[in-house]
C-alpha atoms as a PDB file:
ATOM      1  CA  MET A   1      52.930  11.847 -53.680  1.00  0.00           C
ATOM      2  CA  LYS A   2      50.782   9.020 -52.403  1.00  0.00           C
ATOM      3  CA  ASP A   3      51.770   9.812 -48.791  1.00  0.00           C
ATOM      4  CA  ILE A   4      50.761  13.443 -49.158  1.00  0.00           C
ATOM      5  CA  LYS A   5      47.310  12.480 -50.483  1.00  0.00           C
ATOM      6  CA  VAL A   6      46.822  10.099 -47.542  1.00  0.00           C
ATOM      7  CA  LYS A   7      47.932  12.788 -45.079  1.00  0.00           C
ATOM      8  CA  TYR A   8      45.616  15.412 -46.577  1.00  0.00           C
ATOM      9  CA  SER A   9      42.706  13.003 -46.665  1.00  0.00           C
ATOM     10  CA  LEU A  10      43.321  12.035 -42.995  1.00  0.00           C
ATOM     11  CA  ILE A  11      43.455  15.713 -42.025  1.00  0.00           C
ATOM     12  CA  ALA A  12      40.251  16.403 -43.964  1.00  0.00           C
ATOM     13  CA  LEU A  13      38.502  13.405 -42.379  1.00  0.00           C
ATOM     14  CA  SER A  14      39.591  14.461 -38.900  1.00  0.00           C
ATOM     15  CA  TYR A  15      38.210  17.999 -39.506  1.00  0.00           C
ATOM     16  CA  LEU A  16      34.960  16.533 -40.800  1.00  0.00           C
ATOM     17  CA  PHE A  17      34.764  14.253 -37.762  1.00  0.00           C
ATOM     18  CA  LEU A  18      35.422  17.238 -35.464  1.00  0.00           C
ATOM     19  CA  ILE A  19      32.645  19.263 -37.141  1.00  0.00           C
ATOM     20  CA  PHE A  20      30.323  16.252 -36.835  1.00  0.00           C
ATOM     21  CA  LEU A  21      31.058  15.998 -33.091  1.00  0.00           C
ATOM     22  CA  ILE A  22      30.464  19.738 -32.612  1.00  0.00           C
ATOM     23  CA  VAL A  23      27.077  19.500 -34.332  1.00  0.00           C
ATOM     24  CA  ILE A  24      26.049  16.489 -32.246  1.00  0.00           C
ATOM     25  CA  SER A  25      27.111  18.114 -28.980  1.00  0.00           C
ATOM     26  CA  TYR A  26      25.259  21.326 -29.903  1.00  0.00           C
ATOM     27  CA  VAL A  27      22.083  19.385 -30.676  1.00  0.00           C
ATOM     28  CA  SER A  28      22.304  17.394 -27.436  1.00  0.00           C
ATOM     29  CA  ILE A  29      23.021  20.433 -25.226  1.00  0.00           C
ATOM     30  CA  ILE A  30      20.640  23.018 -26.689  1.00  0.00           C
ATOM     31  CA  PRO A  31      17.036  21.798 -26.201  1.00  0.00           C
ATOM     32  CA  GLU A  32      14.308  22.203 -28.747  1.00  0.00           C
ATOM     33  CA  ASP A  33      11.373  24.521 -28.054  1.00  0.00           C
ATOM     34  CA  ASP A  34       8.753  21.758 -27.955  1.00  0.00           C
ATOM     35  CA  VAL A  35      10.549  19.500 -25.435  1.00  0.00           C
ATOM     36  CA  PRO A  36       8.372  19.115 -22.324  1.00  0.00           C
ATOM     37  CA  ILE A  37      10.022  19.972 -19.039  1.00  0.00           C
ATOM     38  CA  LEU A  38       9.043  17.783 -16.102  1.00  0.00           C
ATOM     39  CA  GLU A  39       9.008  19.478 -12.724  1.00  0.00           C
ATOM     40  CA  ASN A  40       8.040  18.237  -9.288  1.00  0.00           C
ATOM     41  CA  THR A  41       5.505  20.620  -7.763  1.00  0.00           C
ATOM     42  CA  ASP A  42       5.132  18.722  -4.489  1.00  0.00           C
ATOM     43  CA  SER A  43       7.386  19.417  -1.592  1.00  0.00           C
ATOM     44  CA  LEU A  44       9.947  16.696  -0.982  1.00  0.00           C
ATOM     45  CA  ILE A  45      10.382  17.574   2.683  1.00  0.00           C
ATOM     46  CA  LYS A  46       7.543  17.500   5.156  1.00  0.00           C
ATOM     47  CA  VAL A  47       7.929  19.969   7.995  1.00  0.00           C
ATOM     48  CA  GLN A  48       6.799  18.970  11.473  1.00  0.00           C
ATOM     49  CA  LYS A  49       7.209  21.351  14.338  1.00  0.00           C
ATOM     50  CA  ASP A  50       7.268  20.588  18.048  1.00  0.00           C
ATOM     51  CA  VAL A  51       6.372  16.927  17.846  1.00  0.00           C
ATOM     52  CA  ILE A  52       7.933  15.445  20.957  1.00  0.00           C
ATOM     53  CA  LYS A  53       6.367  12.361  22.426  1.00  0.00           C
ATOM     54  CA  ASN A  54       6.848  11.725  26.093  1.00  0.00           C
ATOM     55  CA  ASN A  55       7.622   8.063  25.937  1.00  0.00           C
ATOM     56  CA  GLU A  56       9.503   6.399  28.695  1.00  0.00           C
ATOM     57  CA  ASN A  57      13.247   6.013  28.239  1.00  0.00           C
ATOM     58  CA  THR A  58      13.517   8.922  25.823  1.00  0.00           C
ATOM     59  CA  VAL A  59      16.526  11.215  25.893  1.00  0.00           C
ATOM     60  CA  TYR A  60      14.505  13.867  27.694  1.00  0.00           C
ATOM     61  CA  GLU A  61      13.446  11.458  30.418  1.00  0.00           C
ATOM     62  CA  ILE A  62      17.033  10.350  30.957  1.00  0.00           C
ATOM     63  CA  LEU A  63      18.349  13.910  31.021  1.00  0.00           C
ATOM     64  CA  GLU A  64      15.749  14.999  33.555  1.00  0.00           C
ATOM     65  CA  LYS A  65      16.731  12.044  35.764  1.00  0.00           C
ATOM     66  CA  LYS A  66      13.292  11.633  37.215  1.00  0.00           C
ATOM     67  CA  THR A  67      13.169   9.149  40.007  1.00  0.00           C
ATOM     68  CA  LYS A  68       9.969   7.203  39.983  1.00  0.00           C
ATOM     69  CA  SER A  69       8.565   5.303  42.840  1.00  0.00           C
ATOM     70  CA  ILE A  70       7.374   1.760  42.368  1.00  0.00           C
ATOM     71  CA  GLU A  71       3.766   2.927  42.763  1.00  0.00           C
ATOM     72  CA  GLU A  72       4.106   5.352  39.861  1.00  0.00           C
ATOM     73  CA  VAL A  73       5.568   2.650  37.650  1.00  0.00           C
ATOM     74  CA  ILE A  74       2.735   0.264  38.555  1.00  0.00           C
ATOM     75  CA  GLU A  75       0.099   2.944  37.897  1.00  0.00           C
ATOM     76  CA  LYS A  76       1.625   3.711  34.520  1.00  0.00           C
ATOM     77  CA  GLU A  77       1.620   0.034  33.563  1.00  0.00           C
ATOM     78  CA  ILE A  78      -2.020  -0.310  34.670  1.00  0.00           C
ATOM     79  CA  GLU A  79      -2.968   2.703  32.536  1.00  0.00           C
ATOM     80  CA  ASN A  80      -1.193   1.218  29.528  1.00  0.00           C
ATOM     81  CA  LYS A  81      -2.987  -2.118  30.001  1.00  0.00           C
ATOM     82  CA  GLN A  82      -6.347  -0.326  30.279  1.00  0.00           C
ATOM     83  CA  LYS A  83      -5.656   1.556  27.053  1.00  0.00           C
ATOM     84  CA  ILE A  84      -4.849  -1.697  25.274  1.00  0.00           C
ATOM     85  CA  ILE A  85      -8.005  -3.354  26.607  1.00  0.00           C
ATOM     86  CA  SER A  86     -10.177  -0.386  25.605  1.00  0.00           C
ATOM     87  CA  GLN A  87      -8.671  -0.486  22.102  1.00  0.00           C
ATOM     88  CA  GLU A  88      -9.474  -4.203  21.833  1.00  0.00           C
ATOM     89  CA  ILE A  89     -13.052  -3.515  22.948  1.00  0.00           C
ATOM     90  CA  LYS A  90     -13.360  -0.831  20.264  1.00  0.00           C
ATOM     91  CA  ASP A  91     -12.079  -3.314  17.681  1.00  0.00           C
ATOM     92  CA  THR A  92     -14.640  -5.922  18.694  1.00  0.00           C
ATOM     93  CA  ASN A  93     -17.444  -3.348  18.362  1.00  0.00           C
ATOM     94  CA  LYS A  94     -16.525  -2.706  14.733  1.00  0.00           C
ATOM     95  CA  LYS A  95     -18.337  -4.724  12.140  1.00  0.00           C
ATOM     96  CA  PHE A  96     -16.546  -6.958   9.667  1.00  0.00           C
ATOM     97  CA  ARG A  97     -17.360  -9.056   6.612  1.00  0.00           C
ATOM     98  CA  ILE A  98     -15.706 -12.058   5.007  1.00  0.00           C
ATOM     99  CA  GLN A  99     -14.454 -11.720   1.426  1.00  0.00           C
ATOM    100  CA  VAL A 100     -13.858 -14.988  -0.378  1.00  0.00           C
ATOM    101  CA  ALA A 101     -13.161 -13.914  -3.956  1.00  0.00           C
ATOM    102  CA  SER A 102     -12.923 -10.908  -6.265  1.00  0.00           C
ATOM    103  CA  PHE A 103     -13.252 -11.048 -10.042  1.00  0.00           C
ATOM    104  CA  LYS A 104     -13.493  -8.585 -12.915  1.00  0.00           C
ATOM    105  CA  GLU A 105     -16.347 -10.601 -14.407  1.00  0.00           C
ATOM    106  CA  LYS A 106     -19.694 -10.678 -12.633  1.00  0.00           C
ATOM    107  CA  LYS A 107     -20.496 -14.136 -14.032  1.00  0.00           C
ATOM    108  CA  LYS A 108     -17.495 -15.732 -12.285  1.00  0.00           C
ATOM    109  CA  SER A 109     -18.396 -14.071  -8.985  1.00  0.00           C
ATOM    110  CA  ILE A 110     -21.976 -15.334  -9.189  1.00  0.00           C
ATOM    111  CA  GLU A 111     -20.768 -18.871  -9.973  1.00  0.00           C
ATOM    112  CA  VAL A 112     -18.393 -18.867  -6.995  1.00  0.00           C
ATOM    113  CA  SER A 113     -21.129 -17.433  -4.764  1.00  0.00           C
ATOM    114  CA  LYS A 114     -23.556 -20.224  -5.736  1.00  0.00           C
ATOM    115  CA  LYS A 115     -20.879 -22.881  -5.238  1.00  0.00           C
ATOM    116  CA  LEU A 116     -20.092 -21.549  -1.761  1.00  0.00           C
ATOM    117  CA  MET A 117     -23.781 -21.363  -0.837  1.00  0.00           C
ATOM    118  CA  LYS A 118     -24.158 -25.062  -1.726  1.00  0.00           C
ATOM    119  CA  GLU A 119     -21.049 -26.039   0.206  1.00  0.00           C
ATOM    120  CA  PHE A 120     -21.956 -24.036   3.330  1.00  0.00           C
ATOM    121  CA  SER A 121     -25.717 -24.667   3.236  1.00  0.00           C
ATOM    122  CA  SER A 122     -25.562 -26.400   6.639  1.00  0.00           C
ATOM    123  CA  GLU A 123     -24.202 -23.242   8.311  1.00  0.00           C
ATOM    124  CA  LYS A 124     -26.987 -20.806   9.165  1.00  0.00           C
ATOM    125  CA  TYR A 125     -24.914 -17.598   9.271  1.00  0.00           C
ATOM    126  CA  ILE A 126     -23.049 -18.097   6.024  1.00  0.00           C
ATOM    127  CA  ASN A 127     -24.741 -16.479   3.033  1.00  0.00           C
ATOM    128  CA  PHE A 128     -22.730 -14.932   0.232  1.00  0.00           C
ATOM    129  CA  GLU A 129     -23.564 -12.081  -2.096  1.00  0.00           C
ATOM    130  CA  VAL A 130     -21.811 -10.367  -5.001  1.00  0.00           C
ATOM    131  CA  LYS A 131     -20.926  -6.731  -4.399  1.00  0.00           C
ATOM    132  CA  LYS A 132     -19.788  -4.388  -7.178  1.00  0.00           C
ATOM    133  CA  ILE A 133     -16.744  -2.281  -6.221  1.00  0.00           C
ATOM    134  CA  THR A 134     -15.235   0.495  -8.349  1.00  0.00           C
ATOM    135  CA  LEU A 135     -11.684   1.404  -7.418  1.00  0.00           C
ATOM    136  CA  LYS A 136     -10.022   4.821  -7.729  1.00  0.00           C
ATOM    137  CA  ASN A 137      -8.401   3.856 -11.033  1.00  0.00           C
ATOM    138  CA  ASN A 138     -11.897   3.075 -12.457  1.00  0.00           C
ATOM    139  CA  ASN A 139     -11.373  -0.697 -12.388  1.00  0.00           C
ATOM    140  CA  THR A 140     -14.548  -2.554 -11.461  1.00  0.00           C
ATOM    141  CA  PHE A 141     -14.470  -5.746  -9.436  1.00  0.00           C
ATOM    142  CA  PHE A 142     -17.219  -8.049  -8.251  1.00  0.00           C
ATOM    143  CA  ARG A 143     -16.450  -9.327  -4.769  1.00  0.00           C
ATOM    144  CA  VAL A 144     -17.969 -12.388  -3.144  1.00  0.00           C
ATOM    145  CA  ILE A 145     -18.639 -11.452   0.493  1.00  0.00           C
ATOM    146  CA  ASN A 146     -20.950 -12.622   3.250  1.00  0.00           C
ATOM    147  CA  ASP A 147     -24.199 -10.708   3.552  1.00  0.00           C
ATOM    148  CA  MET A 148     -24.175 -10.046   7.330  1.00  0.00           C
ATOM    149  CA  THR A 149     -21.790  -7.921   9.358  1.00  0.00           C
ATOM    150  CA  LEU A 150     -19.948  -9.801  12.088  1.00  0.00           C
ATOM    151  CA  SER A 151     -17.862  -8.994  15.116  1.00  0.00           C
ATOM    152  CA  LEU A 152     -14.134  -9.587  14.801  1.00  0.00           C
ATOM    153  CA  VAL A 153     -14.312 -12.800  16.841  1.00  0.00           C
ATOM    154  CA  ASP A 154     -17.174 -14.200  14.738  1.00  0.00           C
ATOM    155  CA  ALA A 155     -15.416 -13.158  11.523  1.00  0.00           C
ATOM    156  CA  LYS A 156     -12.267 -15.027  12.576  1.00  0.00           C
ATOM    157  CA  GLU A 157     -14.286 -18.175  13.378  1.00  0.00           C
ATOM    158  CA  LEU A 158     -16.096 -18.041  10.052  1.00  0.00           C
ATOM    159  CA  CYS A 159     -12.828 -17.467   8.235  1.00  0.00           C
ATOM    160  CA  LYS A 160     -11.361 -20.575   9.885  1.00  0.00           C
ATOM    161  CA  LYS A 161     -14.322 -22.647   8.644  1.00  0.00           C
ATOM    162  CA  ILE A 162     -13.842 -21.316   5.130  1.00  0.00           C
ATOM    163  CA  LEU A 163     -10.096 -21.993   5.207  1.00  0.00           C
ATOM    164  CA  ILE A 164     -10.738 -25.578   6.320  1.00  0.00           C
ATOM    165  CA  LYS A 165     -12.737 -26.057   3.097  1.00  0.00           C
ATOM    166  CA  LYS A 166      -9.630 -24.900   1.126  1.00  0.00           C
ATOM    167  CA  TYR A 167     -11.026 -21.514   0.065  1.00  0.00           C
ATOM    168  CA  GLN A 168      -9.321 -18.180   0.472  1.00  0.00           C
ATOM    169  CA  CYS A 169     -10.626 -15.882   3.155  1.00  0.00           C
ATOM    170  CA  LEU A 170     -10.111 -12.196   3.888  1.00  0.00           C
ATOM    171  CA  ILE A 171     -11.597 -10.266   6.802  1.00  0.00           C
ATOM    172  CA  VAL A 172     -12.608  -6.754   5.724  1.00  0.00           C
ATOM    173  CA  MET A 173     -14.057  -3.914   7.762  1.00  0.00           C
ATOM    174  CA  ASP A 174     -17.571  -2.984   6.745  1.00  0.00           C
ATOM    175  CA  THR A 175     -17.956   0.551   5.430  1.00  0.00           C
END
């Protein structure tokens, strides 16, 4: 008699457990009406058509088996060197500034600016100002930068002087 009660109770519990599992699986599979669905609207693949660069030693160059004379190779190298030199000249014509610090509080930036002005008072080209910058995420920073635009060479020299005094230095392009 006792065995039969145990058997029936085990069978009943197993059926209850089975019904419980069915309910849980139904709830997890069938979504509710107010569940937000996240979809990616941007394309994951970027299509580029007919972008073949004629660099030397590409597959196309090898397949065409072009024979170049030494003069052509020399001319090509000279052209490449001229392009590099012209790019460097363009870079030196751009104007740069030196950024020493950036803080969220204007008071700290002003204090650092005054401290730097005292320390570099002997240098005639080093004057620092505080510039307010608002980033895309609406964070506002107060940057300590020099007040004059410099060439890249001058900016590097000034940055070296600042680094010698154990301050941080960042060369930024003037906008």
